[in-house]
Amino acid sequence: MIILLLVGMFSINSVVHAADDIQIGCNRLSLVLDPALSPSVVDREWATGESSSQAPAVLELRGCKGQILDRLTLDAALARLDPIPLRGAPAPSYLVSVDLTQAAGSYNGPLTFPVQVVNNHLQRVVALASNGRLEPIYLAQTGKADWRKIFIKGVDNLVSVSCQPKDKNFVTFYRRYHPTRNGWKVRMRSVPCLWESDGEFPEINRFP
């Protein structure tokens, strides 16, 4: 019963294309796409693997008077911005997705990552691991990877599962990214098994 309740907390994994700017105080966060890419075109071409010749998307932060405070050029023309801030994050943070899908292969697809606004600058979020190393938060959707946003005890946790080949077998990695007042933390465990995204998403108790 507990597992069913937790599964019910999973947020919808698709990231909504924001038609309007995101207000952060009097500042504005905007996703700027190539003029040829309307929201309907993005939805139609998303995750299809069709090559795009348009310019890469750009995330812009503008100040109270409309001046550009910072820019972040993304890795693809097709991109989406979730207008809902991540709850519990130490700074205003939003999920950004870029479509890295290619025509073939089970290890490519849309990639999502959080971006935070700190001192009028845009920063990709990193998480502190138990060994003291910092790692960027990357949430992939491929044939062998997937992720979810889960609301637990007042904060948004990001959990990801990914499977990679090793010694003629496969290893599946379970990661949980958790926000704290002092930054994000990550816990990871690995299991020698095969997981693919056309199956069920792992139960929450598999994530450390």
N, C-alpha and C. Protein backbone atom coordinates (compact mmCIF):
# COMPACT_ATOMS: atom_id res chain seq x y z
N MET A 1 0.84 -1.21 0.00
CA MET A 1 0.00 0.00 0.00
C MET A 1 0.87 1.25 0.00
N ILE A 2 1.99 1.22 0.79
CA ILE A 2 2.89 2.37 0.87
C ILE A 2 3.50 2.65 -0.48
N ILE A 3 3.91 1.56 -1.18
CA ILE A 3 4.53 1.72 -2.49
C ILE A 3 3.55 2.35 -3.48
N LEU A 4 2.28 1.92 -3.41
CA LEU A 4 1.28 2.48 -4.31
C LEU A 4 1.11 3.97 -4.07
N LEU A 5 1.13 4.39 -2.80
CA LEU A 5 0.98 5.80 -2.49
C LEU A 5 2.17 6.61 -3.01
N LEU A 6 3.37 6.03 -2.87
CA LEU A 6 4.55 6.73 -3.35
C LEU A 6 4.55 6.84 -4.86
N VAL A 7 4.14 5.76 -5.53
CA VAL A 7 4.06 5.81 -6.99
C VAL A 7 3.10 6.90 -7.43
N GLY A 8 2.03 7.09 -6.67
CA GLY A 8 1.07 8.12 -7.00
C GLY A 8 1.64 9.52 -6.90
N MET A 9 2.77 9.67 -6.19
CA MET A 9 3.40 10.98 -6.06
C MET A 9 4.28 11.33 -7.24
N PHE A 10 4.56 10.33 -8.12
CA PHE A 10 5.42 10.61 -9.27
C PHE A 10 4.79 11.70 -10.13
N SER A 11 5.57 12.70 -10.48
CA SER A 11 5.09 13.75 -11.36
C SER A 11 5.16 13.28 -12.80
N ILE A 12 4.32 13.86 -13.65
CA ILE A 12 4.38 13.55 -15.08
C ILE A 12 5.74 13.93 -15.60
N ASN A 13 6.38 13.03 -16.36
CA ASN A 13 7.77 13.19 -16.72
C ASN A 13 7.98 14.15 -17.88
N SER A 14 6.95 14.42 -18.67
CA SER A 14 7.13 15.33 -19.78
C SER A 14 7.22 16.76 -19.26
N VAL A 15 8.14 17.53 -19.81
CA VAL A 15 8.35 18.90 -19.38
C VAL A 15 7.56 19.83 -20.29
N VAL A 16 6.77 20.69 -19.68
CA VAL A 16 5.88 21.56 -20.44
C VAL A 16 6.66 22.69 -21.09
N HIS A 17 6.35 22.98 -22.35
CA HIS A 17 6.97 24.13 -23.04
C HIS A 17 6.33 25.40 -22.50
N ALA A 18 7.16 26.30 -21.99
CA ALA A 18 6.66 27.53 -21.39
C ALA A 18 6.48 28.59 -22.46
N ALA A 19 5.24 28.98 -22.70
CA ALA A 19 4.96 30.01 -23.70
C ALA A 19 5.27 31.39 -23.15
N ASP A 20 5.16 31.57 -21.84
CA ASP A 20 5.39 32.87 -21.21
C ASP A 20 6.71 32.84 -20.43
N ASP A 21 7.21 34.04 -20.12
CA ASP A 21 8.40 34.15 -19.29
C ASP A 21 8.09 33.71 -17.87
N ILE A 22 9.12 33.30 -17.16
CA ILE A 22 9.00 32.95 -15.76
C ILE A 22 9.47 34.14 -14.93
N GLN A 23 8.62 34.63 -14.06
CA GLN A 23 8.97 35.76 -13.22
C GLN A 23 9.70 35.27 -11.97
N ILE A 24 10.87 35.83 -11.71
CA ILE A 24 11.63 35.54 -10.50
C ILE A 24 11.89 36.90 -9.84
N GLY A 25 11.02 37.28 -8.93
CA GLY A 25 11.03 38.65 -8.45
C GLY A 25 10.65 39.56 -9.61
N CYS A 26 11.48 40.57 -9.89
CA CYS A 26 11.21 41.40 -11.07
C CYS A 26 12.05 40.95 -12.27
N ASN A 27 12.85 39.92 -12.10
CA ASN A 27 13.61 39.35 -13.22
C ASN A 27 12.74 38.38 -14.01
N ARG A 28 13.20 38.06 -15.24
CA ARG A 28 12.45 37.15 -16.09
C ARG A 28 13.39 36.10 -16.68
N LEU A 29 12.97 34.85 -16.60
CA LEU A 29 13.70 33.74 -17.20
C LEU A 29 12.96 33.30 -18.45
N SER A 30 13.67 33.24 -19.59
CA SER A 30 13.02 32.93 -20.86
C SER A 30 13.80 31.88 -21.62
N LEU A 31 13.07 31.02 -22.32
CA LEU A 31 13.67 30.08 -23.26
C LEU A 31 13.46 30.64 -24.66
N VAL A 32 14.56 30.93 -25.34
CA VAL A 32 14.50 31.54 -26.67
C VAL A 32 14.84 30.49 -27.71
N LEU A 33 13.88 30.21 -28.59
CA LEU A 33 14.06 29.23 -29.66
C LEU A 33 14.27 29.93 -30.99
N ASP A 34 14.82 29.19 -31.95
CA ASP A 34 14.92 29.68 -33.31
C ASP A 34 13.53 30.09 -33.78
N PRO A 35 13.40 31.21 -34.51
CA PRO A 35 12.07 31.67 -34.95
C PRO A 35 11.29 30.62 -35.73
N ALA A 36 11.97 29.67 -36.35
CA ALA A 36 11.27 28.64 -37.12
C ALA A 36 10.63 27.58 -36.23
N LEU A 37 10.95 27.60 -34.94
CA LEU A 37 10.46 26.56 -34.04
C LEU A 37 9.36 27.11 -33.13
N SER A 38 8.13 26.92 -33.53
CA SER A 38 7.00 27.27 -32.69
C SER A 38 6.77 26.14 -31.68
N PRO A 39 6.01 26.37 -30.61
CA PRO A 39 5.72 25.29 -29.67
C PRO A 39 5.12 24.05 -30.33
N SER A 40 4.28 24.23 -31.35
CA SER A 40 3.68 23.08 -32.02
C SER A 40 4.73 22.29 -32.80
N VAL A 41 5.70 22.99 -33.39
CA VAL A 41 6.78 22.30 -34.10
C VAL A 41 7.65 21.52 -33.12
N VAL A 42 7.94 22.12 -31.98
CA VAL A 42 8.73 21.44 -30.95
C VAL A 42 8.01 20.16 -30.51
N ASP A 43 6.71 20.26 -30.25
CA ASP A 43 5.95 19.08 -29.83
C ASP A 43 5.93 18.00 -30.92
N ARG A 44 5.83 18.42 -32.17
CA ARG A 44 5.75 17.46 -33.27
C ARG A 44 7.08 16.74 -33.49
N GLU A 45 8.18 17.46 -33.34
CA GLU A 45 9.49 16.89 -33.65
C GLU A 45 10.20 16.31 -32.43
N TRP A 46 9.63 16.53 -31.24
CA TRP A 46 10.31 16.09 -30.01
C TRP A 46 10.50 14.57 -30.00
N ALA A 47 11.73 14.15 -29.74
CA ALA A 47 12.11 12.73 -29.59
C ALA A 47 11.90 11.90 -30.85
N THR A 48 11.82 12.55 -32.01
CA THR A 48 11.67 11.81 -33.25
C THR A 48 13.01 11.42 -33.86
N GLY A 49 14.08 12.11 -33.47
CA GLY A 49 15.38 11.82 -34.04
C GLY A 49 15.65 12.54 -35.35
N GLU A 50 14.72 13.37 -35.79
CA GLU A 50 14.94 14.13 -37.01
C GLU A 50 15.97 15.25 -36.75
N SER A 51 16.95 15.35 -37.65
CA SER A 51 17.98 16.36 -37.46
C SER A 51 17.38 17.75 -37.64
N SER A 52 17.85 18.68 -36.81
CA SER A 52 17.35 20.04 -36.87
C SER A 52 18.48 20.98 -37.25
N SER A 53 18.24 21.82 -38.25
CA SER A 53 19.26 22.75 -38.71
C SER A 53 19.12 24.13 -38.07
N GLN A 54 18.16 24.27 -37.16
CA GLN A 54 17.95 25.56 -36.52
C GLN A 54 19.05 25.85 -35.49
N ALA A 55 19.11 27.10 -35.09
CA ALA A 55 20.10 27.52 -34.10
C ALA A 55 19.78 26.91 -32.74
N PRO A 56 20.81 26.67 -31.92
CA PRO A 56 20.56 26.12 -30.58
C PRO A 56 19.67 27.04 -29.76
N ALA A 57 18.87 26.46 -28.88
CA ALA A 57 18.04 27.24 -27.97
C ALA A 57 18.93 27.95 -26.95
N VAL A 58 18.42 29.05 -26.43
CA VAL A 58 19.17 29.85 -25.46
C VAL A 58 18.27 30.15 -24.26
N LEU A 59 18.81 29.95 -23.07
CA LEU A 59 18.11 30.33 -21.86
C LEU A 59 18.61 31.71 -21.46
N GLU A 60 17.67 32.65 -21.27
CA GLU A 60 18.04 34.03 -20.97
C GLU A 60 17.46 34.47 -19.63
N LEU A 61 18.25 35.21 -18.88
CA LEU A 61 17.79 35.85 -17.66
C LEU A 61 17.86 37.36 -17.88
N ARG A 62 16.71 38.02 -17.76
CA ARG A 62 16.65 39.47 -17.95
C ARG A 62 16.30 40.15 -16.63
N GLY A 63 16.86 41.34 -16.47
CA GLY A 63 16.67 42.09 -15.24
C GLY A 63 15.37 42.87 -15.21
N CYS A 64 15.22 43.65 -14.15
CA CYS A 64 13.97 44.37 -13.92
C CYS A 64 13.67 45.38 -15.01
N LYS A 65 14.70 45.88 -15.69
CA LYS A 65 14.52 46.85 -16.76
C LYS A 65 14.61 46.21 -18.14
N GLY A 66 14.61 44.89 -18.19
CA GLY A 66 14.66 44.20 -19.47
C GLY A 66 16.06 43.92 -19.98
N GLN A 67 17.07 44.32 -19.24
CA GLN A 67 18.45 44.10 -19.67
C GLN A 67 18.84 42.62 -19.49
N ILE A 68 19.71 42.13 -20.36
CA ILE A 68 20.16 40.74 -20.25
C ILE A 68 21.19 40.63 -19.13
N LEU A 69 20.89 39.77 -18.16
CA LEU A 69 21.81 39.53 -17.05
C LEU A 69 22.73 38.34 -17.33
N ASP A 70 22.18 37.32 -17.98
CA ASP A 70 22.99 36.13 -18.27
C ASP A 70 22.32 35.32 -19.37
N ARG A 71 23.15 34.54 -20.08
CA ARG A 71 22.65 33.66 -21.14
C ARG A 71 23.29 32.30 -20.99
N LEU A 72 22.54 31.26 -21.35
CA LEU A 72 23.07 29.90 -21.36
C LEU A 72 22.65 29.26 -22.68
N THR A 73 23.62 29.02 -23.56
CA THR A 73 23.32 28.38 -24.84
C THR A 73 23.21 26.87 -24.61
N LEU A 74 22.13 26.29 -25.09
CA LEU A 74 21.86 24.88 -24.86
C LEU A 74 22.45 24.03 -25.99
N ASP A 75 22.36 22.72 -25.84
CA ASP A 75 23.05 21.79 -26.74
C ASP A 75 22.19 21.32 -27.91
N ALA A 76 21.01 21.89 -28.08
CA ALA A 76 20.14 21.47 -29.18
C ALA A 76 19.17 22.59 -29.50
N ALA A 77 18.60 22.53 -30.70
CA ALA A 77 17.60 23.53 -31.10
C ALA A 77 16.25 23.27 -30.42
N LEU A 78 15.90 22.00 -30.28
CA LEU A 78 14.64 21.64 -29.62
C LEU A 78 14.87 21.64 -28.11
N ALA A 79 14.11 22.47 -27.41
CA ALA A 79 14.29 22.57 -25.96
C ALA A 79 12.96 22.92 -25.31
N ARG A 80 12.87 22.61 -24.03
CA ARG A 80 11.68 22.91 -23.25
C ARG A 80 12.08 23.42 -21.87
N LEU A 81 11.23 24.25 -21.30
CA LEU A 81 11.46 24.82 -19.97
C LEU A 81 10.24 24.57 -19.11
N ASP A 82 10.45 23.89 -17.98
CA ASP A 82 9.35 23.65 -17.05
C ASP A 82 9.17 24.90 -16.19
N PRO A 83 7.99 25.53 -16.23
CA PRO A 83 7.79 26.77 -15.47
C PRO A 83 7.60 26.56 -13.98
N ILE A 84 7.51 25.32 -13.52
CA ILE A 84 7.29 25.05 -12.10
C ILE A 84 8.63 24.94 -11.39
N PRO A 85 8.91 25.78 -10.40
CA PRO A 85 10.20 25.71 -9.70
C PRO A 85 10.31 24.42 -8.87
N LEU A 86 11.54 23.96 -8.72
CA LEU A 86 11.79 22.77 -7.90
C LEU A 86 11.65 23.15 -6.42
N ARG A 87 10.78 22.45 -5.73
CA ARG A 87 10.50 22.75 -4.34
C ARG A 87 11.63 22.24 -3.44
N GLY A 88 12.07 23.09 -2.52
CA GLY A 88 13.13 22.71 -1.59
C GLY A 88 14.52 23.04 -2.08
N ALA A 89 14.67 23.52 -3.31
CA ALA A 89 15.99 23.86 -3.84
C ALA A 89 16.54 25.09 -3.11
N PRO A 90 17.86 25.17 -2.92
CA PRO A 90 18.43 26.31 -2.18
C PRO A 90 18.39 27.63 -2.93
N ALA A 91 18.13 27.59 -4.24
CA ALA A 91 17.98 28.80 -5.05
C ALA A 91 16.90 28.53 -6.08
N PRO A 92 16.27 29.57 -6.65
CA PRO A 92 15.24 29.33 -7.67
C PRO A 92 15.79 28.43 -8.79
N SER A 93 15.14 27.28 -8.98
CA SER A 93 15.66 26.27 -9.91
C SER A 93 14.55 25.73 -10.78
N TYR A 94 14.88 25.50 -12.06
CA TYR A 94 13.89 25.06 -13.04
C TYR A 94 14.50 23.97 -13.92
N LEU A 95 13.65 23.05 -14.35
CA LEU A 95 14.11 21.96 -15.20
C LEU A 95 14.10 22.39 -16.67
N VAL A 96 15.22 22.16 -17.33
CA VAL A 96 15.37 22.46 -18.75
C VAL A 96 15.64 21.14 -19.48
N SER A 97 15.00 20.95 -20.62
CA SER A 97 15.20 19.73 -21.41
C SER A 97 15.68 20.09 -22.81
N VAL A 98 16.63 19.30 -23.31
CA VAL A 98 17.08 19.43 -24.69
C VAL A 98 16.91 18.07 -25.36
N ASP A 99 16.55 18.10 -26.63
CA ASP A 99 16.30 16.85 -27.35
C ASP A 99 17.57 16.42 -28.09
N LEU A 100 18.23 15.38 -27.57
CA LEU A 100 19.45 14.84 -28.17
C LEU A 100 19.18 13.53 -28.89
N THR A 101 17.92 13.28 -29.21
CA THR A 101 17.55 12.03 -29.87
C THR A 101 18.22 11.91 -31.23
N GLN A 102 18.70 10.71 -31.53
CA GLN A 102 19.23 10.40 -32.84
C GLN A 102 18.41 9.28 -33.47
N ALA A 103 18.62 9.09 -34.75
CA ALA A 103 17.77 8.13 -35.49
C ALA A 103 17.94 6.71 -34.99
N ALA A 104 19.10 6.35 -34.48
CA ALA A 104 19.33 4.98 -34.03
C ALA A 104 20.10 5.01 -32.71
N GLY A 105 19.97 3.93 -31.95
CA GLY A 105 20.71 3.82 -30.70
C GLY A 105 19.80 3.89 -29.49
N SER A 106 20.14 3.10 -28.46
CA SER A 106 19.32 3.04 -27.25
C SER A 106 19.90 3.88 -26.12
N TYR A 107 20.95 4.66 -26.41
CA TYR A 107 21.59 5.46 -25.37
C TYR A 107 21.49 6.95 -25.65
N ASN A 108 20.58 7.36 -26.51
CA ASN A 108 20.37 8.79 -26.75
C ASN A 108 18.88 9.11 -26.66
N GLY A 109 18.59 10.38 -26.40
CA GLY A 109 17.20 10.82 -26.25
C GLY A 109 17.18 12.17 -25.56
N PRO A 110 16.02 12.63 -25.11
CA PRO A 110 15.93 13.91 -24.39
C PRO A 110 16.74 13.87 -23.09
N LEU A 111 17.37 15.00 -22.79
CA LEU A 111 18.17 15.13 -21.57
C LEU A 111 17.65 16.33 -20.79
N THR A 112 17.37 16.11 -19.51
CA THR A 112 16.85 17.15 -18.64
C THR A 112 17.85 17.46 -17.53
N PHE A 113 17.97 18.73 -17.18
CA PHE A 113 18.86 19.12 -16.09
C PHE A 113 18.30 20.37 -15.42
N PRO A 114 18.54 20.55 -14.13
CA PRO A 114 18.09 21.76 -13.45
C PRO A 114 19.07 22.91 -13.62
N VAL A 115 18.52 24.11 -13.76
CA VAL A 115 19.30 25.34 -13.82
C VAL A 115 18.82 26.24 -12.69
N GLN A 116 19.77 26.80 -11.94
CA GLN A 116 19.40 27.68 -10.84
C GLN A 116 19.85 29.11 -11.10
N VAL A 117 19.14 30.04 -10.47
CA VAL A 117 19.46 31.46 -10.59
C VAL A 117 20.11 31.91 -9.29
N VAL A 118 21.40 32.28 -9.38
CA VAL A 118 22.16 32.69 -8.20
C VAL A 118 22.87 34.00 -8.52
N ASN A 119 22.58 35.03 -7.73
CA ASN A 119 23.23 36.33 -7.92
C ASN A 119 23.13 36.82 -9.36
N ASN A 120 21.93 36.69 -9.92
CA ASN A 120 21.65 37.15 -11.28
C ASN A 120 22.44 36.41 -12.35
N HIS A 121 22.82 35.16 -12.06
CA HIS A 121 23.51 34.33 -13.03
C HIS A 121 22.81 32.97 -13.13
N LEU A 122 22.92 32.36 -14.31
CA LEU A 122 22.36 31.03 -14.54
C LEU A 122 23.45 29.99 -14.31
N GLN A 123 23.14 28.99 -13.49
CA GLN A 123 24.11 27.95 -13.17
C GLN A 123 23.47 26.57 -13.33
N ARG A 124 24.16 25.67 -14.00
CA ARG A 124 23.73 24.28 -14.01
C ARG A 124 23.97 23.70 -12.62
N VAL A 125 23.01 22.94 -12.12
CA VAL A 125 23.07 22.45 -10.76
C VAL A 125 23.98 21.22 -10.68
N VAL A 126 24.80 21.18 -9.65
CA VAL A 126 25.63 20.00 -9.36
C VAL A 126 25.22 19.45 -8.00
N ALA A 127 25.54 18.18 -7.77
CA ALA A 127 25.17 17.52 -6.52
C ALA A 127 26.42 16.94 -5.87
N LEU A 128 26.45 16.95 -4.55
CA LEU A 128 27.58 16.43 -3.78
C LEU A 128 27.35 14.95 -3.48
N ALA A 129 28.31 14.11 -3.87
CA ALA A 129 28.23 12.68 -3.61
C ALA A 129 28.88 12.37 -2.26
N SER A 130 28.69 11.13 -1.79
CA SER A 130 29.21 10.74 -0.49
C SER A 130 30.74 10.73 -0.45
N ASN A 131 31.38 10.60 -1.61
CA ASN A 131 32.84 10.61 -1.66
C ASN A 131 33.43 12.02 -1.76
N GLY A 132 32.56 13.03 -1.67
CA GLY A 132 33.01 14.40 -1.71
C GLY A 132 33.12 15.01 -3.09
N ARG A 133 32.82 14.23 -4.12
CA ARG A 133 32.91 14.74 -5.48
C ARG A 133 31.59 15.40 -5.90
N LEU A 134 31.71 16.41 -6.75
CA LEU A 134 30.53 17.07 -7.30
C LEU A 134 30.23 16.50 -8.68
N GLU A 135 28.96 16.21 -8.95
CA GLU A 135 28.59 15.71 -10.27
C GLU A 135 27.38 16.48 -10.78
N PRO A 136 27.38 16.81 -12.07
CA PRO A 136 26.22 17.51 -12.64
C PRO A 136 24.99 16.61 -12.61
N ILE A 137 23.83 17.22 -12.48
CA ILE A 137 22.58 16.46 -12.48
C ILE A 137 22.09 16.36 -13.92
N TYR A 138 22.15 15.16 -14.47
CA TYR A 138 21.65 14.88 -15.80
C TYR A 138 20.61 13.79 -15.72
N LEU A 139 19.45 14.04 -16.29
CA LEU A 139 18.32 13.11 -16.25
C LEU A 139 17.97 12.73 -17.68
N ALA A 140 18.34 11.51 -18.06
CA ALA A 140 18.18 11.08 -19.45
C ALA A 140 16.92 10.25 -19.63
N GLN A 141 16.36 10.36 -20.83
CA GLN A 141 15.26 9.51 -21.27
C GLN A 141 15.71 8.80 -22.55
N THR A 142 16.11 7.54 -22.40
CA THR A 142 16.57 6.76 -23.55
C THR A 142 15.98 5.37 -23.46
N GLY A 143 16.46 4.49 -24.33
CA GLY A 143 15.99 3.11 -24.25
C GLY A 143 16.44 2.40 -23.00
N LYS A 144 17.46 2.94 -22.34
CA LYS A 144 17.99 2.32 -21.12
C LYS A 144 18.17 3.33 -19.99
N ALA A 145 17.36 4.36 -19.98
CA ALA A 145 17.42 5.35 -18.90
C ALA A 145 16.09 6.08 -18.79
N ASP A 146 15.76 6.49 -17.57
CA ASP A 146 14.54 7.26 -17.35
C ASP A 146 14.65 7.95 -15.99
N TRP A 147 13.71 8.81 -15.70
CA TRP A 147 13.76 9.55 -14.44
C TRP A 147 12.36 9.99 -14.02
N ARG A 148 12.25 10.43 -12.76
CA ARG A 148 11.01 10.95 -12.22
C ARG A 148 11.31 12.06 -11.22
N LYS A 149 10.35 12.95 -11.05
CA LYS A 149 10.38 13.94 -9.98
C LYS A 149 9.38 13.49 -8.93
N ILE A 150 9.83 13.40 -7.67
CA ILE A 150 8.98 12.91 -6.59
C ILE A 150 8.94 13.93 -5.47
N PHE A 151 7.76 14.25 -5.02
CA PHE A 151 7.58 15.20 -3.92
C PHE A 151 7.48 14.42 -2.61
N ILE A 152 8.50 14.56 -1.75
CA ILE A 152 8.54 13.83 -0.48
C ILE A 152 8.97 14.79 0.63
N LYS A 153 8.18 14.86 1.67
CA LYS A 153 8.49 15.66 2.86
C LYS A 153 8.82 17.11 2.50
N GLY A 154 8.03 17.68 1.62
CA GLY A 154 8.14 19.09 1.31
C GLY A 154 9.17 19.49 0.28
N VAL A 155 9.88 18.52 -0.33
CA VAL A 155 10.88 18.86 -1.33
C VAL A 155 10.73 17.93 -2.53
N ASP A 156 11.26 18.39 -3.67
CA ASP A 156 11.27 17.58 -4.89
C ASP A 156 12.57 16.79 -4.99
N ASN A 157 12.44 15.47 -4.97
CA ASN A 157 13.57 14.60 -5.24
C ASN A 157 13.56 14.23 -6.72
N LEU A 158 14.74 14.09 -7.30
CA LEU A 158 14.87 13.65 -8.68
C LEU A 158 15.53 12.27 -8.65
N VAL A 159 14.84 11.27 -9.16
CA VAL A 159 15.40 9.92 -9.16
C VAL A 159 15.59 9.47 -10.61
N SER A 160 16.72 8.85 -10.87
CA SER A 160 17.03 8.40 -12.23
C SER A 160 17.54 6.98 -12.21
N VAL A 161 17.20 6.25 -13.26
CA VAL A 161 17.68 4.89 -13.45
C VAL A 161 18.36 4.84 -14.81
N SER A 162 19.51 4.16 -14.87
CA SER A 162 20.22 4.01 -16.14
C SER A 162 20.93 2.67 -16.16
N CYS A 163 21.02 2.10 -17.35
CA CYS A 163 21.62 0.77 -17.51
C CYS A 163 22.75 0.87 -18.53
N GLN A 164 23.89 0.25 -18.19
CA GLN A 164 25.05 0.29 -19.06
C GLN A 164 25.69 -1.09 -19.16
N PRO A 165 26.31 -1.39 -20.30
CA PRO A 165 26.98 -2.69 -20.43
C PRO A 165 28.27 -2.73 -19.62
N LYS A 166 28.59 -3.93 -19.10
CA LYS A 166 29.83 -4.13 -18.36
C LYS A 166 30.22 -5.60 -18.40
N ASP A 167 31.40 -5.88 -18.96
CA ASP A 167 31.92 -7.25 -19.01
C ASP A 167 30.91 -8.23 -19.60
N LYS A 168 30.37 -7.87 -20.75
CA LYS A 168 29.40 -8.72 -21.48
C LYS A 168 28.08 -8.89 -20.76
N ASN A 169 27.88 -8.12 -19.69
CA ASN A 169 26.61 -8.10 -18.97
C ASN A 169 26.15 -6.65 -18.83
N PHE A 170 25.20 -6.41 -17.94
CA PHE A 170 24.69 -5.06 -17.75
C PHE A 170 24.67 -4.72 -16.27
N VAL A 171 24.86 -3.43 -16.00
CA VAL A 171 24.75 -2.89 -14.64
C VAL A 171 23.73 -1.76 -14.65
N THR A 172 22.82 -1.78 -13.68
CA THR A 172 21.80 -0.74 -13.57
C THR A 172 22.12 0.16 -12.39
N PHE A 173 22.10 1.47 -12.63
CA PHE A 173 22.42 2.46 -11.60
C PHE A 173 21.15 3.17 -11.15
N TYR A 174 20.99 3.30 -9.84
CA TYR A 174 19.86 4.01 -9.26
C TYR A 174 20.40 5.23 -8.53
N ARG A 175 19.97 6.43 -8.91
CA ARG A 175 20.43 7.67 -8.30
C ARG A 175 19.25 8.45 -7.74
N ARG A 176 19.50 9.08 -6.60
CA ARG A 176 18.52 10.00 -6.01
C ARG A 176 19.22 11.33 -5.74
N TYR A 177 18.67 12.40 -6.33
CA TYR A 177 19.16 13.75 -6.10
C TYR A 177 18.21 14.45 -5.14
N HIS A 178 18.77 14.94 -4.03
CA HIS A 178 17.94 15.51 -2.96
C HIS A 178 18.41 16.92 -2.62
N PRO A 179 17.51 17.92 -2.64
CA PRO A 179 17.92 19.29 -2.32
C PRO A 179 17.97 19.54 -0.82
N THR A 180 18.96 20.31 -0.39
CA THR A 180 19.06 20.76 1.00
C THR A 180 19.32 22.27 0.99
N ARG A 181 19.33 22.88 2.15
CA ARG A 181 19.60 24.31 2.23
C ARG A 181 21.00 24.65 1.75
N ASN A 182 21.91 23.69 1.86
CA ASN A 182 23.31 23.94 1.50
C ASN A 182 23.67 23.40 0.12
N GLY A 183 22.69 22.97 -0.64
CA GLY A 183 22.96 22.44 -1.97
C GLY A 183 22.34 21.07 -2.17
N TRP A 184 22.55 20.52 -3.37
CA TRP A 184 21.99 19.22 -3.70
C TRP A 184 22.95 18.10 -3.32
N LYS A 185 22.39 16.97 -2.93
CA LYS A 185 23.18 15.78 -2.64
C LYS A 185 22.69 14.63 -3.51
N VAL A 186 23.58 13.68 -3.80
CA VAL A 186 23.22 12.53 -4.61
C VAL A 186 23.66 11.25 -3.91
N ARG A 187 22.81 10.25 -3.95
CA ARG A 187 23.14 8.91 -3.49
C ARG A 187 22.93 7.95 -4.65
N MET A 188 23.81 6.96 -4.75
CA MET A 188 23.75 6.04 -5.89
C MET A 188 24.02 4.61 -5.44
N ARG A 189 23.33 3.68 -6.06
CA ARG A 189 23.62 2.26 -5.88
C ARG A 189 23.54 1.60 -7.24
N SER A 190 24.28 0.51 -7.40
CA SER A 190 24.28 -0.22 -8.67
C SER A 190 23.99 -1.69 -8.43
N VAL A 191 23.33 -2.30 -9.40
CA VAL A 191 22.94 -3.71 -9.32
C VAL A 191 23.26 -4.37 -10.65
N PRO A 192 23.88 -5.55 -10.64
CA PRO A 192 24.16 -6.23 -11.92
C PRO A 192 22.88 -6.82 -12.53
N CYS A 193 22.24 -6.06 -13.37
CA CYS A 193 21.01 -6.51 -14.02
C CYS A 193 20.74 -5.65 -15.23
N LEU A 194 19.82 -6.07 -16.07
CA LEU A 194 19.41 -5.31 -17.25
C LEU A 194 18.10 -4.61 -16.98
N TRP A 195 18.03 -3.32 -17.29
CA TRP A 195 16.78 -2.57 -17.22
C TRP A 195 16.62 -1.79 -18.51
N GLU A 196 15.39 -1.79 -19.04
CA GLU A 196 15.08 -1.03 -20.24
C GLU A 196 13.81 -0.24 -20.03
N SER A 197 13.72 0.90 -20.69
CA SER A 197 12.65 1.84 -20.41
C SER A 197 11.28 1.41 -20.92
N ASP A 198 11.23 0.34 -21.72
CA ASP A 198 9.91 -0.13 -22.13
C ASP A 198 9.27 -1.00 -21.06
N GLY A 199 9.97 -1.21 -19.95
CA GLY A 199 9.40 -1.92 -18.81
C GLY A 199 8.87 -0.94 -17.77
N GLU A 200 8.53 -1.45 -16.60
CA GLU A 200 8.02 -0.61 -15.53
C GLU A 200 9.15 0.22 -14.91
N PHE A 201 8.83 1.45 -14.52
CA PHE A 201 9.81 2.24 -13.79
C PHE A 201 10.05 1.57 -12.43
N PRO A 202 11.30 1.54 -11.97
CA PRO A 202 11.60 0.84 -10.71
C PRO A 202 10.81 1.40 -9.52
N GLU A 203 10.54 0.54 -8.56
CA GLU A 203 9.86 0.96 -7.35
C GLU A 203 10.76 1.92 -6.58
N ILE A 204 10.14 2.82 -5.82
CA ILE A 204 10.88 3.87 -5.15
C ILE A 204 11.89 3.33 -4.15
N ASN A 205 11.61 2.15 -3.56
CA ASN A 205 12.54 1.62 -2.57
C ASN A 205 13.84 1.11 -3.17
N ARG A 206 13.96 1.09 -4.48
CA ARG A 206 15.22 0.72 -5.11
C ARG A 206 16.22 1.87 -5.14
N PHE A 207 15.73 3.08 -4.95
CA PHE A 207 16.60 4.25 -4.97
C PHE A 207 17.11 4.54 -3.55
N PRO A 208 18.42 4.75 -3.41
CA PRO A 208 18.98 4.95 -2.05
C PRO A 208 18.54 6.26 -1.42
